[in-house]
Amino acid sequence: MTESGLAAVLFDMDGTLIDTEKVWEVAIRELAGSYGGTLSDEARAAMLGTSSEETMRLLHADLDQPWRDPDEGAAWINSRVEELFHAGVEWRPGARELLAAVRAAGLPTALVTNTGRSLVDIALRTLGPENFDAVVCGDEVDHAKPHPGHYLAAARALGVDPTRCVAIEDSPTGVASATAAGCAVIAIPHETPLGEVSGLVLASLHDVDVATLRNLVGAL
């Protein structure tokens, strides 16, 4: 008999659980300034939820400086964000409460992010490493979101079928990644409009409870 019902909840990090997008923006705009340019709002919006490689491509194109070394730029941003992360990160509204409710219900959880391990380890001081049964970071998979690899890796680590998981995301890129992996998706828009995306779109994590999560994948 095929198992049914919710098997796990998979959480994006940046912009979903913690409000780090502004931190990334500080670093990216500082780097643009060091290059003698100013990042446009359009380019910044396009960067949300993307990989560091795509962020660098967009930055260099926006500044009309395609000759810049993307690896050097990404390393500078990562170092600057690490400094800012150490100063503390803030929970998104409703995130702490939802995570606590999911854990209290005994549901397995994973943190699934494009962000690299060094920064995630700092963020986990706020999020609590004990709140996640698996952590999948951007530098631990072959492809960045929107490739489904992050979510497929998280499901494998938890030993569950991705189609029995709910992913919680805030960006079109993340929603596309989770959808491609076969997960049900709840999208909570934050810094960028979601547009037409699959899944359940809600205004806040305060609108999500365990019953909502279970209903997305059917009754147990």
N, C-alpha and C. Protein backbone atom coordinates (compact mmCIF):
# COMPACT_ATOMS: atom_id res chain seq x y z
N MET A 1 0.83 -1.19 0.00
CA MET A 1 0.00 0.00 0.00
C MET A 1 0.88 1.25 0.00
N THR A 2 0.61 2.18 -0.87
CA THR A 2 1.39 3.40 -0.97
C THR A 2 1.09 4.32 0.20
N GLU A 3 2.16 4.84 0.84
CA GLU A 3 1.97 5.76 1.94
C GLU A 3 1.44 7.09 1.43
N SER A 4 0.67 7.75 2.26
CA SER A 4 0.12 9.05 1.89
C SER A 4 0.24 10.00 3.07
N GLY A 5 -0.07 11.24 2.82
CA GLY A 5 -0.02 12.23 3.88
C GLY A 5 1.31 12.94 3.96
N LEU A 6 1.34 13.99 4.75
CA LEU A 6 2.53 14.83 4.89
C LEU A 6 3.66 14.07 5.55
N ALA A 7 4.83 14.05 4.89
CA ALA A 7 5.99 13.34 5.42
C ALA A 7 7.04 14.28 5.98
N ALA A 8 7.12 15.51 5.47
CA ALA A 8 8.16 16.44 5.93
C ALA A 8 7.85 17.85 5.45
N VAL A 9 8.44 18.82 6.13
CA VAL A 9 8.31 20.23 5.75
C VAL A 9 9.70 20.76 5.45
N LEU A 10 9.84 21.37 4.29
CA LEU A 10 11.14 21.84 3.79
C LEU A 10 11.12 23.37 3.72
N PHE A 11 11.99 24.00 4.49
CA PHE A 11 11.99 25.46 4.61
C PHE A 11 13.14 26.10 3.84
N ASP A 12 12.81 27.06 2.98
CA ASP A 12 13.82 27.97 2.46
C ASP A 12 14.29 28.85 3.63
N MET A 13 15.47 29.48 3.47
CA MET A 13 16.00 30.29 4.56
C MET A 13 15.85 31.80 4.30
N ASP A 14 16.60 32.31 3.34
CA ASP A 14 16.66 33.76 3.11
C ASP A 14 15.32 34.30 2.63
N GLY A 15 14.76 35.21 3.41
CA GLY A 15 13.49 35.81 3.03
C GLY A 15 12.27 35.01 3.44
N THR A 16 12.49 33.76 3.86
CA THR A 16 11.38 32.91 4.30
C THR A 16 11.38 32.76 5.81
N LEU A 17 12.46 32.21 6.36
CA LEU A 17 12.57 32.06 7.81
C LEU A 17 13.22 33.28 8.46
N ILE A 18 14.22 33.82 7.81
CA ILE A 18 14.91 34.99 8.37
C ILE A 18 15.01 36.09 7.32
N ASP A 19 15.05 37.32 7.81
CA ASP A 19 15.02 38.49 6.93
C ASP A 19 16.45 38.89 6.58
N THR A 20 17.03 38.16 5.64
CA THR A 20 18.43 38.41 5.27
C THR A 20 18.59 39.11 3.93
N GLU A 21 17.50 39.26 3.18
CA GLU A 21 17.64 39.86 1.85
C GLU A 21 18.22 41.27 1.93
N LYS A 22 17.86 42.02 2.98
CA LYS A 22 18.40 43.37 3.13
C LYS A 22 19.90 43.32 3.41
N VAL A 23 20.35 42.28 4.11
CA VAL A 23 21.78 42.12 4.39
C VAL A 23 22.53 41.88 3.09
N TRP A 24 22.00 40.98 2.25
CA TRP A 24 22.63 40.74 0.95
C TRP A 24 22.65 42.01 0.12
N GLU A 25 21.56 42.78 0.18
CA GLU A 25 21.49 44.01 -0.60
C GLU A 25 22.57 45.00 -0.19
N VAL A 26 22.82 45.12 1.12
CA VAL A 26 23.87 46.01 1.60
C VAL A 26 25.21 45.62 0.98
N ALA A 27 25.53 44.33 1.03
CA ALA A 27 26.82 43.88 0.51
C ALA A 27 26.93 44.07 -1.00
N ILE A 28 25.86 43.75 -1.72
CA ILE A 28 25.90 43.86 -3.19
C ILE A 28 26.03 45.32 -3.61
N ARG A 29 25.30 46.19 -2.95
CA ARG A 29 25.38 47.61 -3.30
C ARG A 29 26.74 48.20 -2.91
N GLU A 30 27.31 47.73 -1.83
CA GLU A 30 28.66 48.18 -1.46
C GLU A 30 29.67 47.75 -2.51
N LEU A 31 29.54 46.52 -3.00
CA LEU A 31 30.46 46.04 -4.03
C LEU A 31 30.30 46.86 -5.30
N ALA A 32 29.05 47.12 -5.69
CA ALA A 32 28.82 47.96 -6.87
C ALA A 32 29.47 49.32 -6.71
N GLY A 33 29.36 49.90 -5.51
CA GLY A 33 29.98 51.19 -5.26
C GLY A 33 31.49 51.13 -5.35
N SER A 34 32.08 50.03 -4.89
CA SER A 34 33.54 49.90 -4.98
C SER A 34 34.00 49.77 -6.42
N TYR A 35 33.08 49.35 -7.30
CA TYR A 35 33.37 49.26 -8.73
C TYR A 35 33.11 50.60 -9.43
N GLY A 36 32.68 51.60 -8.66
CA GLY A 36 32.40 52.91 -9.24
C GLY A 36 31.03 53.02 -9.88
N GLY A 37 30.12 52.10 -9.52
CA GLY A 37 28.79 52.10 -10.13
C GLY A 37 27.70 52.09 -9.09
N THR A 38 26.44 52.08 -9.56
CA THR A 38 25.27 52.01 -8.70
C THR A 38 24.34 50.92 -9.23
N LEU A 39 24.01 49.97 -8.39
CA LEU A 39 23.13 48.87 -8.80
C LEU A 39 21.72 49.39 -9.00
N SER A 40 21.11 49.03 -10.12
CA SER A 40 19.72 49.45 -10.36
C SER A 40 18.76 48.60 -9.55
N ASP A 41 17.60 49.15 -9.25
CA ASP A 41 16.59 48.40 -8.51
C ASP A 41 16.10 47.21 -9.31
N GLU A 42 16.06 47.35 -10.63
CA GLU A 42 15.61 46.25 -11.49
C GLU A 42 16.57 45.07 -11.41
N ALA A 43 17.87 45.36 -11.45
CA ALA A 43 18.84 44.28 -11.36
C ALA A 43 18.80 43.62 -9.99
N ARG A 44 18.65 44.43 -8.94
CA ARG A 44 18.57 43.86 -7.60
C ARG A 44 17.38 42.93 -7.48
N ALA A 45 16.22 43.34 -8.01
CA ALA A 45 15.03 42.50 -7.95
C ALA A 45 15.25 41.18 -8.68
N ALA A 46 15.95 41.23 -9.80
CA ALA A 46 16.21 40.01 -10.59
C ALA A 46 17.13 39.04 -9.86
N MET A 47 17.92 39.53 -8.91
CA MET A 47 18.87 38.70 -8.19
C MET A 47 18.22 37.85 -7.10
N LEU A 48 17.05 38.24 -6.64
CA LEU A 48 16.44 37.58 -5.48
C LEU A 48 16.18 36.10 -5.75
N GLY A 49 16.72 35.27 -4.87
CA GLY A 49 16.52 33.84 -4.99
C GLY A 49 17.46 33.13 -5.94
N THR A 50 18.38 33.88 -6.58
CA THR A 50 19.27 33.26 -7.56
C THR A 50 20.58 32.81 -6.91
N SER A 51 21.40 32.14 -7.69
CA SER A 51 22.71 31.69 -7.23
C SER A 51 23.69 32.86 -7.21
N SER A 52 24.83 32.66 -6.55
CA SER A 52 25.85 33.71 -6.53
C SER A 52 26.40 33.97 -7.93
N GLU A 53 26.47 32.92 -8.75
CA GLU A 53 26.97 33.09 -10.12
C GLU A 53 26.04 33.99 -10.93
N GLU A 54 24.72 33.76 -10.79
CA GLU A 54 23.76 34.57 -11.51
C GLU A 54 23.74 36.00 -10.96
N THR A 55 23.88 36.14 -9.65
CA THR A 55 23.95 37.47 -9.05
C THR A 55 25.11 38.27 -9.61
N MET A 56 26.27 37.63 -9.73
CA MET A 56 27.44 38.32 -10.28
C MET A 56 27.23 38.67 -11.75
N ARG A 57 26.61 37.77 -12.50
CA ARG A 57 26.36 38.06 -13.91
C ARG A 57 25.44 39.27 -14.06
N LEU A 58 24.39 39.29 -13.24
CA LEU A 58 23.46 40.40 -13.30
C LEU A 58 24.11 41.70 -12.86
N LEU A 59 24.93 41.65 -11.82
CA LEU A 59 25.63 42.85 -11.34
C LEU A 59 26.55 43.42 -12.40
N HIS A 60 27.37 42.55 -12.97
CA HIS A 60 28.34 43.02 -13.95
C HIS A 60 27.67 43.54 -15.22
N ALA A 61 26.57 42.88 -15.61
CA ALA A 61 25.83 43.37 -16.78
C ALA A 61 25.18 44.72 -16.48
N ASP A 62 24.64 44.86 -15.27
CA ASP A 62 23.96 46.10 -14.89
C ASP A 62 24.94 47.27 -14.86
N LEU A 63 26.16 47.01 -14.43
CA LEU A 63 27.18 48.05 -14.36
C LEU A 63 27.94 48.22 -15.66
N ASP A 64 27.59 47.38 -16.66
CA ASP A 64 28.31 47.38 -17.94
C ASP A 64 29.80 47.13 -17.72
N GLN A 65 30.08 46.15 -16.85
CA GLN A 65 31.46 45.75 -16.56
C GLN A 65 31.59 44.23 -16.65
N PRO A 66 31.30 43.66 -17.82
CA PRO A 66 31.28 42.20 -17.94
C PRO A 66 32.65 41.55 -17.73
N TRP A 67 33.69 42.35 -17.74
CA TRP A 67 35.04 41.80 -17.59
C TRP A 67 35.40 41.51 -16.14
N ARG A 68 34.57 41.91 -15.20
CA ARG A 68 34.86 41.67 -13.78
C ARG A 68 34.92 40.17 -13.46
N ASP A 69 35.76 39.79 -12.50
CA ASP A 69 35.91 38.40 -12.08
C ASP A 69 34.73 38.03 -11.17
N PRO A 70 33.84 37.14 -11.61
CA PRO A 70 32.67 36.80 -10.79
C PRO A 70 33.04 36.08 -9.50
N ASP A 71 34.08 35.25 -9.53
CA ASP A 71 34.47 34.53 -8.33
C ASP A 71 35.02 35.48 -7.27
N GLU A 72 35.77 36.46 -7.70
CA GLU A 72 36.32 37.45 -6.78
C GLU A 72 35.20 38.27 -6.15
N GLY A 73 34.25 38.68 -6.97
CA GLY A 73 33.12 39.46 -6.46
C GLY A 73 32.27 38.66 -5.49
N ALA A 74 32.00 37.41 -5.84
CA ALA A 74 31.17 36.56 -4.98
C ALA A 74 31.85 36.33 -3.64
N ALA A 75 33.18 36.15 -3.66
CA ALA A 75 33.92 35.94 -2.41
C ALA A 75 33.86 37.19 -1.53
N TRP A 76 33.93 38.38 -2.16
CA TRP A 76 33.86 39.62 -1.39
C TRP A 76 32.49 39.76 -0.73
N ILE A 77 31.44 39.50 -1.50
CA ILE A 77 30.09 39.60 -0.96
C ILE A 77 29.89 38.60 0.17
N ASN A 78 30.35 37.38 -0.02
CA ASN A 78 30.19 36.35 1.00
C ASN A 78 30.87 36.77 2.30
N SER A 79 32.08 37.34 2.19
CA SER A 79 32.81 37.78 3.37
C SER A 79 32.08 38.92 4.07
N ARG A 80 31.56 39.86 3.29
CA ARG A 80 30.86 41.00 3.88
C ARG A 80 29.55 40.55 4.55
N VAL A 81 28.82 39.65 3.89
CA VAL A 81 27.57 39.15 4.47
C VAL A 81 27.86 38.37 5.75
N GLU A 82 28.95 37.64 5.76
CA GLU A 82 29.33 36.91 6.98
C GLU A 82 29.51 37.88 8.15
N GLU A 83 30.16 39.02 7.89
CA GLU A 83 30.31 40.04 8.93
C GLU A 83 28.95 40.52 9.43
N LEU A 84 28.05 40.76 8.49
CA LEU A 84 26.72 41.26 8.84
C LEU A 84 25.89 40.20 9.55
N PHE A 85 26.03 38.94 9.14
CA PHE A 85 25.31 37.85 9.80
C PHE A 85 25.73 37.75 11.27
N HIS A 86 27.01 37.96 11.53
CA HIS A 86 27.49 37.85 12.91
C HIS A 86 26.83 38.89 13.80
N ALA A 87 26.39 39.99 13.21
CA ALA A 87 25.71 41.03 13.98
C ALA A 87 24.29 40.62 14.35
N GLY A 88 23.80 39.52 13.77
CA GLY A 88 22.48 39.00 14.10
C GLY A 88 21.52 39.08 12.93
N VAL A 89 20.63 38.10 12.83
CA VAL A 89 19.61 38.07 11.79
C VAL A 89 18.24 38.01 12.45
N GLU A 90 17.24 38.53 11.76
CA GLU A 90 15.90 38.62 12.33
C GLU A 90 14.97 37.57 11.72
N TRP A 91 14.10 37.00 12.56
CA TRP A 91 13.08 36.08 12.09
C TRP A 91 12.07 36.83 11.22
N ARG A 92 11.55 36.16 10.20
CA ARG A 92 10.42 36.68 9.45
C ARG A 92 9.15 36.49 10.29
N PRO A 93 8.15 37.34 10.12
CA PRO A 93 6.92 37.23 10.91
C PRO A 93 6.28 35.84 10.80
N GLY A 94 6.04 35.23 11.94
CA GLY A 94 5.39 33.93 11.99
C GLY A 94 6.32 32.74 11.80
N ALA A 95 7.58 32.98 11.44
CA ALA A 95 8.48 31.87 11.13
C ALA A 95 8.82 31.05 12.36
N ARG A 96 9.19 31.72 13.44
CA ARG A 96 9.56 31.00 14.66
C ARG A 96 8.39 30.15 15.17
N GLU A 97 7.19 30.73 15.13
CA GLU A 97 6.02 30.02 15.63
C GLU A 97 5.67 28.81 14.77
N LEU A 98 5.76 28.98 13.44
CA LEU A 98 5.44 27.85 12.55
C LEU A 98 6.45 26.73 12.72
N LEU A 99 7.72 27.08 12.78
CA LEU A 99 8.75 26.05 12.94
C LEU A 99 8.54 25.29 14.24
N ALA A 100 8.21 26.00 15.31
CA ALA A 100 7.96 25.34 16.59
C ALA A 100 6.75 24.41 16.51
N ALA A 101 5.70 24.84 15.82
CA ALA A 101 4.49 24.02 15.69
C ALA A 101 4.77 22.75 14.88
N VAL A 102 5.55 22.89 13.81
CA VAL A 102 5.90 21.73 12.98
C VAL A 102 6.72 20.73 13.77
N ARG A 103 7.68 21.23 14.54
CA ARG A 103 8.50 20.34 15.35
C ARG A 103 7.66 19.67 16.44
N ALA A 104 6.76 20.43 17.03
CA ALA A 104 5.90 19.86 18.09
C ALA A 104 4.99 18.77 17.55
N ALA A 105 4.64 18.87 16.26
CA ALA A 105 3.80 17.85 15.62
C ALA A 105 4.59 16.61 15.24
N GLY A 106 5.91 16.64 15.46
CA GLY A 106 6.74 15.48 15.16
C GLY A 106 7.07 15.30 13.69
N LEU A 107 6.90 16.36 12.91
CA LEU A 107 7.18 16.27 11.47
C LEU A 107 8.66 16.53 11.19
N PRO A 108 9.30 15.70 10.37
CA PRO A 108 10.67 15.98 9.97
C PRO A 108 10.78 17.30 9.22
N THR A 109 11.90 17.98 9.37
CA THR A 109 12.11 19.26 8.71
C THR A 109 13.49 19.32 8.07
N ALA A 110 13.58 20.14 7.03
CA ALA A 110 14.88 20.41 6.41
C ALA A 110 14.98 21.89 6.08
N LEU A 111 16.20 22.41 6.15
CA LEU A 111 16.51 23.75 5.71
C LEU A 111 17.13 23.62 4.32
N VAL A 112 16.56 24.33 3.35
CA VAL A 112 16.94 24.13 1.95
C VAL A 112 17.23 25.50 1.34
N THR A 113 18.52 25.79 1.09
CA THR A 113 18.89 27.16 0.74
C THR A 113 19.99 27.22 -0.32
N ASN A 114 19.96 28.30 -1.13
CA ASN A 114 21.04 28.57 -2.07
C ASN A 114 22.29 29.10 -1.38
N THR A 115 22.15 29.53 -0.14
CA THR A 115 23.26 30.12 0.61
C THR A 115 24.28 29.05 0.99
N GLY A 116 25.56 29.44 1.00
CA GLY A 116 26.64 28.51 1.31
C GLY A 116 26.70 28.13 2.78
N ARG A 117 27.38 27.01 3.06
CA ARG A 117 27.42 26.42 4.40
C ARG A 117 27.99 27.38 5.44
N SER A 118 29.03 28.15 5.12
CA SER A 118 29.65 29.00 6.14
C SER A 118 28.66 30.02 6.68
N LEU A 119 27.81 30.58 5.82
CA LEU A 119 26.81 31.55 6.26
C LEU A 119 25.63 30.86 6.94
N VAL A 120 25.26 29.70 6.44
CA VAL A 120 24.14 28.96 7.04
C VAL A 120 24.47 28.58 8.48
N ASP A 121 25.71 28.18 8.72
CA ASP A 121 26.10 27.81 10.08
C ASP A 121 25.95 28.99 11.05
N ILE A 122 26.21 30.21 10.56
CA ILE A 122 26.01 31.40 11.40
C ILE A 122 24.52 31.62 11.62
N ALA A 123 23.73 31.52 10.55
CA ALA A 123 22.28 31.72 10.66
C ALA A 123 21.64 30.70 11.60
N LEU A 124 22.19 29.49 11.64
CA LEU A 124 21.63 28.44 12.49
C LEU A 124 21.76 28.78 13.98
N ARG A 125 22.62 29.72 14.32
CA ARG A 125 22.70 30.16 15.72
C ARG A 125 21.40 30.84 16.12
N THR A 126 20.74 31.47 15.16
CA THR A 126 19.42 32.06 15.39
C THR A 126 18.32 31.03 15.20
N LEU A 127 18.39 30.28 14.10
CA LEU A 127 17.33 29.34 13.76
C LEU A 127 17.30 28.11 14.67
N GLY A 128 18.46 27.71 15.17
CA GLY A 128 18.54 26.52 16.02
C GLY A 128 18.80 25.27 15.20
N PRO A 129 20.00 24.74 15.23
CA PRO A 129 20.29 23.53 14.45
C PRO A 129 19.42 22.35 14.83
N GLU A 130 18.94 22.36 16.08
CA GLU A 130 18.09 21.26 16.55
C GLU A 130 16.72 21.26 15.89
N ASN A 131 16.40 22.34 15.18
CA ASN A 131 15.09 22.44 14.53
C ASN A 131 15.05 21.79 13.15
N PHE A 132 16.19 21.25 12.69
CA PHE A 132 16.24 20.69 11.34
C PHE A 132 16.90 19.31 11.36
N ASP A 133 16.22 18.38 10.71
CA ASP A 133 16.76 17.03 10.59
C ASP A 133 17.74 16.91 9.43
N ALA A 134 17.71 17.87 8.52
CA ALA A 134 18.65 17.91 7.40
C ALA A 134 18.83 19.36 6.99
N VAL A 135 20.02 19.67 6.48
CA VAL A 135 20.33 21.01 5.96
C VAL A 135 21.01 20.85 4.61
N VAL A 136 20.44 21.47 3.59
CA VAL A 136 21.01 21.41 2.23
C VAL A 136 21.40 22.83 1.84
N CYS A 137 22.70 23.04 1.64
CA CYS A 137 23.24 24.37 1.33
C CYS A 137 23.61 24.49 -0.15
N GLY A 138 23.74 25.73 -0.59
CA GLY A 138 23.98 25.99 -2.01
C GLY A 138 25.29 25.44 -2.53
N ASP A 139 26.31 25.35 -1.67
CA ASP A 139 27.60 24.84 -2.12
C ASP A 139 27.74 23.34 -1.90
N GLU A 140 26.63 22.68 -1.62
CA GLU A 140 26.65 21.23 -1.40
C GLU A 140 25.85 20.47 -2.44
N VAL A 141 25.35 21.18 -3.45
CA VAL A 141 24.62 20.55 -4.55
C VAL A 141 25.23 21.04 -5.86
N ASP A 142 24.94 20.32 -6.94
CA ASP A 142 25.57 20.63 -8.23
C ASP A 142 24.96 21.84 -8.92
N HIS A 143 23.69 22.10 -8.67
CA HIS A 143 23.01 23.18 -9.38
C HIS A 143 22.21 24.02 -8.39
N ALA A 144 22.16 25.32 -8.64
CA ALA A 144 21.39 26.23 -7.79
C ALA A 144 19.90 26.15 -8.13
N LYS A 145 19.06 26.61 -7.20
CA LYS A 145 17.66 26.81 -7.54
C LYS A 145 17.61 27.78 -8.73
N PRO A 146 16.76 27.56 -9.71
CA PRO A 146 15.52 26.78 -9.70
C PRO A 146 15.64 25.30 -10.06
N HIS A 147 16.87 24.79 -10.20
CA HIS A 147 17.03 23.35 -10.40
C HIS A 147 16.44 22.63 -9.19
N PRO A 148 15.83 21.48 -9.38
CA PRO A 148 15.18 20.78 -8.25
C PRO A 148 16.13 20.08 -7.31
N GLY A 149 17.43 20.11 -7.60
CA GLY A 149 18.40 19.33 -6.83
C GLY A 149 18.38 19.56 -5.33
N HIS A 150 18.19 20.82 -4.90
CA HIS A 150 18.14 21.11 -3.47
C HIS A 150 17.05 20.31 -2.78
N TYR A 151 15.85 20.36 -3.35
CA TYR A 151 14.72 19.71 -2.70
C TYR A 151 14.76 18.20 -2.83
N LEU A 152 15.28 17.72 -3.92
CA LEU A 152 15.45 16.27 -4.06
C LEU A 152 16.47 15.76 -3.05
N ALA A 153 17.56 16.53 -2.83
CA ALA A 153 18.58 16.14 -1.86
C ALA A 153 18.01 16.15 -0.44
N ALA A 154 17.17 17.14 -0.14
CA ALA A 154 16.56 17.21 1.19
C ALA A 154 15.65 16.02 1.44
N ALA A 155 14.83 15.67 0.45
CA ALA A 155 13.95 14.51 0.60
C ALA A 155 14.74 13.23 0.80
N ARG A 156 15.82 13.08 0.04
CA ARG A 156 16.67 11.89 0.20
C ARG A 156 17.27 11.85 1.60
N ALA A 157 17.75 12.99 2.08
CA ALA A 157 18.36 13.02 3.41
C ALA A 157 17.37 12.64 4.50
N LEU A 158 16.11 12.99 4.30
CA LEU A 158 15.08 12.66 5.27
C LEU A 158 14.47 11.28 5.05
N GLY A 159 14.78 10.68 3.89
CA GLY A 159 14.23 9.36 3.57
C GLY A 159 12.76 9.39 3.25
N VAL A 160 12.31 10.47 2.58
CA VAL A 160 10.89 10.60 2.26
C VAL A 160 10.71 10.88 0.77
N ASP A 161 9.48 10.67 0.31
CA ASP A 161 9.11 10.97 -1.06
C ASP A 161 8.88 12.48 -1.19
N PRO A 162 9.54 13.15 -2.13
CA PRO A 162 9.34 14.60 -2.25
C PRO A 162 7.89 15.00 -2.51
N THR A 163 7.10 14.10 -3.10
CA THR A 163 5.70 14.44 -3.36
C THR A 163 4.87 14.46 -2.08
N ARG A 164 5.44 13.98 -0.98
CA ARG A 164 4.77 14.03 0.31
C ARG A 164 5.35 15.13 1.20
N CYS A 165 6.08 16.04 0.59
CA CYS A 165 6.68 17.16 1.32
C CYS A 165 6.00 18.47 0.94
N VAL A 166 5.98 19.39 1.89
CA VAL A 166 5.59 20.76 1.60
C VAL A 166 6.83 21.63 1.72
N ALA A 167 7.09 22.41 0.68
CA ALA A 167 8.19 23.37 0.69
C ALA A 167 7.62 24.76 0.92
N ILE A 168 8.31 25.55 1.72
CA ILE A 168 7.88 26.92 1.99
C ILE A 168 8.93 27.86 1.45
N GLU A 169 8.52 28.73 0.53
CA GLU A 169 9.44 29.58 -0.22
C GLU A 169 8.92 31.01 -0.29
N ASP A 170 9.81 31.92 -0.73
CA ASP A 170 9.41 33.32 -0.88
C ASP A 170 9.69 33.90 -2.25
N SER A 171 10.35 33.15 -3.14
CA SER A 171 10.73 33.70 -4.44
C SER A 171 10.26 32.81 -5.57
N PRO A 172 10.07 33.37 -6.77
CA PRO A 172 9.71 32.53 -7.92
C PRO A 172 10.75 31.46 -8.20
N THR A 173 12.02 31.77 -8.00
CA THR A 173 13.09 30.80 -8.22
C THR A 173 12.95 29.61 -7.29
N GLY A 174 12.71 29.89 -6.02
CA GLY A 174 12.56 28.82 -5.05
C GLY A 174 11.31 28.00 -5.28
N VAL A 175 10.21 28.67 -5.62
CA VAL A 175 8.97 27.95 -5.93
C VAL A 175 9.18 27.01 -7.11
N ALA A 176 9.88 27.50 -8.14
CA ALA A 176 10.14 26.67 -9.32
C ALA A 176 10.97 25.45 -8.96
N SER A 177 11.96 25.62 -8.08
CA SER A 177 12.81 24.52 -7.64
C SER A 177 12.00 23.45 -6.93
N ALA A 178 11.19 23.87 -5.96
CA ALA A 178 10.40 22.92 -5.19
C ALA A 178 9.34 22.23 -6.04
N THR A 179 8.73 22.99 -6.93
CA THR A 179 7.70 22.42 -7.81
C THR A 179 8.30 21.37 -8.73
N ALA A 180 9.47 21.68 -9.28
CA ALA A 180 10.14 20.73 -10.18
C ALA A 180 10.53 19.44 -9.47
N ALA A 181 10.77 19.53 -8.15
CA ALA A 181 11.11 18.34 -7.37
C ALA A 181 9.88 17.51 -7.03
N GLY A 182 8.68 18.08 -7.25
CA GLY A 182 7.45 17.36 -6.97
C GLY A 182 6.81 17.71 -5.64
N CYS A 183 7.35 18.70 -4.95
CA CYS A 183 6.81 19.09 -3.65
C CYS A 183 5.55 19.94 -3.81
N ALA A 184 4.68 19.87 -2.82
CA ALA A 184 3.65 20.89 -2.68
C ALA A 184 4.33 22.15 -2.16
N VAL A 185 3.80 23.31 -2.51
CA VAL A 185 4.50 24.56 -2.18
C VAL A 185 3.56 25.56 -1.55
N ILE A 186 4.06 26.21 -0.50
CA ILE A 186 3.43 27.42 0.04
C ILE A 186 4.40 28.57 -0.23
N ALA A 187 3.90 29.61 -0.86
CA ALA A 187 4.73 30.76 -1.21
C ALA A 187 4.28 31.97 -0.40
N ILE A 188 5.26 32.60 0.25
CA ILE A 188 5.01 33.81 1.04
C ILE A 188 5.83 34.93 0.42
N PRO A 189 5.24 35.82 -0.37
CA PRO A 189 6.02 36.86 -1.03
C PRO A 189 6.68 37.78 -0.02
N HIS A 190 7.90 38.20 -0.36
CA HIS A 190 8.64 39.08 0.55
C HIS A 190 9.19 40.28 -0.21
N GLU A 191 10.40 40.17 -0.72
CA GLU A 191 11.04 41.31 -1.39
C GLU A 191 10.64 41.48 -2.85
N THR A 192 10.14 40.43 -3.46
CA THR A 192 9.83 40.51 -4.88
C THR A 192 8.46 39.89 -5.16
N PRO A 193 7.69 40.44 -6.09
CA PRO A 193 6.40 39.84 -6.43
C PRO A 193 6.59 38.43 -6.98
N LEU A 194 5.66 37.55 -6.65
CA LEU A 194 5.77 36.16 -7.10
C LEU A 194 5.27 35.97 -8.53
N GLY A 195 4.36 36.83 -8.98
CA GLY A 195 3.78 36.63 -10.30
C GLY A 195 2.94 35.37 -10.31
N GLU A 196 2.89 34.73 -11.46
CA GLU A 196 2.12 33.49 -11.60
C GLU A 196 2.98 32.30 -11.20
N VAL A 197 2.74 31.75 -10.03
CA VAL A 197 3.50 30.58 -9.57
C VAL A 197 2.52 29.49 -9.14
N SER A 198 3.02 28.26 -9.16
CA SER A 198 2.20 27.15 -8.68
C SER A 198 2.25 27.12 -7.16
N GLY A 199 1.26 26.50 -6.56
CA GLY A 199 1.24 26.37 -5.11
C GLY A 199 0.29 27.35 -4.46
N LEU A 200 0.25 27.28 -3.14
CA LEU A 200 -0.62 28.12 -2.33
C LEU A 200 0.13 29.39 -1.95
N VAL A 201 -0.39 30.55 -2.34
CA VAL A 201 0.23 31.83 -2.03
C VAL A 201 -0.52 32.47 -0.87
N LEU A 202 0.20 32.78 0.20
CA LEU A 202 -0.38 33.39 1.39
C LEU A 202 0.39 34.66 1.74
N ALA A 203 -0.24 35.52 2.52
CA ALA A 203 0.37 36.81 2.82
C ALA A 203 1.47 36.71 3.87
N SER A 204 1.36 35.75 4.79
CA SER A 204 2.28 35.67 5.92
C SER A 204 2.37 34.24 6.43
N LEU A 205 3.48 33.93 7.08
CA LEU A 205 3.60 32.63 7.73
C LEU A 205 2.64 32.52 8.91
N HIS A 206 2.13 33.63 9.40
CA HIS A 206 1.09 33.58 10.43
C HIS A 206 -0.18 32.89 9.90
N ASP A 207 -0.31 32.84 8.57
CA ASP A 207 -1.48 32.21 7.95
C ASP A 207 -1.32 30.71 7.74
N VAL A 208 -0.16 30.17 8.14
CA VAL A 208 0.14 28.75 7.93
C VAL A 208 0.13 28.02 9.28
N ASP A 209 -0.55 26.88 9.31
CA ASP A 209 -0.47 26.02 10.49
C ASP A 209 -0.28 24.58 10.03
N VAL A 210 -0.15 23.67 10.97
CA VAL A 210 0.11 22.27 10.62
C VAL A 210 -1.04 21.68 9.81
N ALA A 211 -2.26 22.07 10.12
CA ALA A 211 -3.40 21.57 9.36
C ALA A 211 -3.32 22.00 7.90
N THR A 212 -2.91 23.23 7.67
CA THR A 212 -2.74 23.71 6.29
C THR A 212 -1.71 22.86 5.55
N LEU A 213 -0.61 22.58 6.22
CA LEU A 213 0.45 21.77 5.62
C LEU A 213 -0.05 20.36 5.29
N ARG A 214 -0.76 19.76 6.22
CA ARG A 214 -1.26 18.40 5.98
C ARG A 214 -2.27 18.38 4.84
N ASN A 215 -3.11 19.40 4.77
CA ASN A 215 -4.15 19.43 3.73
C ASN A 215 -3.56 19.52 2.34
N LEU A 216 -2.38 20.08 2.21
CA LEU A 216 -1.77 20.24 0.88
C LEU A 216 -1.37 18.92 0.26
N VAL A 217 -1.10 17.93 1.06
CA VAL A 217 -0.68 16.62 0.52
C VAL A 217 -1.69 15.52 0.83
N GLY A 218 -2.86 15.89 1.32
CA GLY A 218 -3.90 14.91 1.57
C GLY A 218 -3.90 14.43 3.02
N ALA A 219 -4.99 13.82 3.41
CA ALA A 219 -5.13 13.33 4.78
C ALA A 219 -4.22 12.14 5.05
N LEU A 220 -3.76 12.02 6.29
CA LEU A 220 -2.91 10.89 6.67
C LEU A 220 -3.71 9.60 6.68
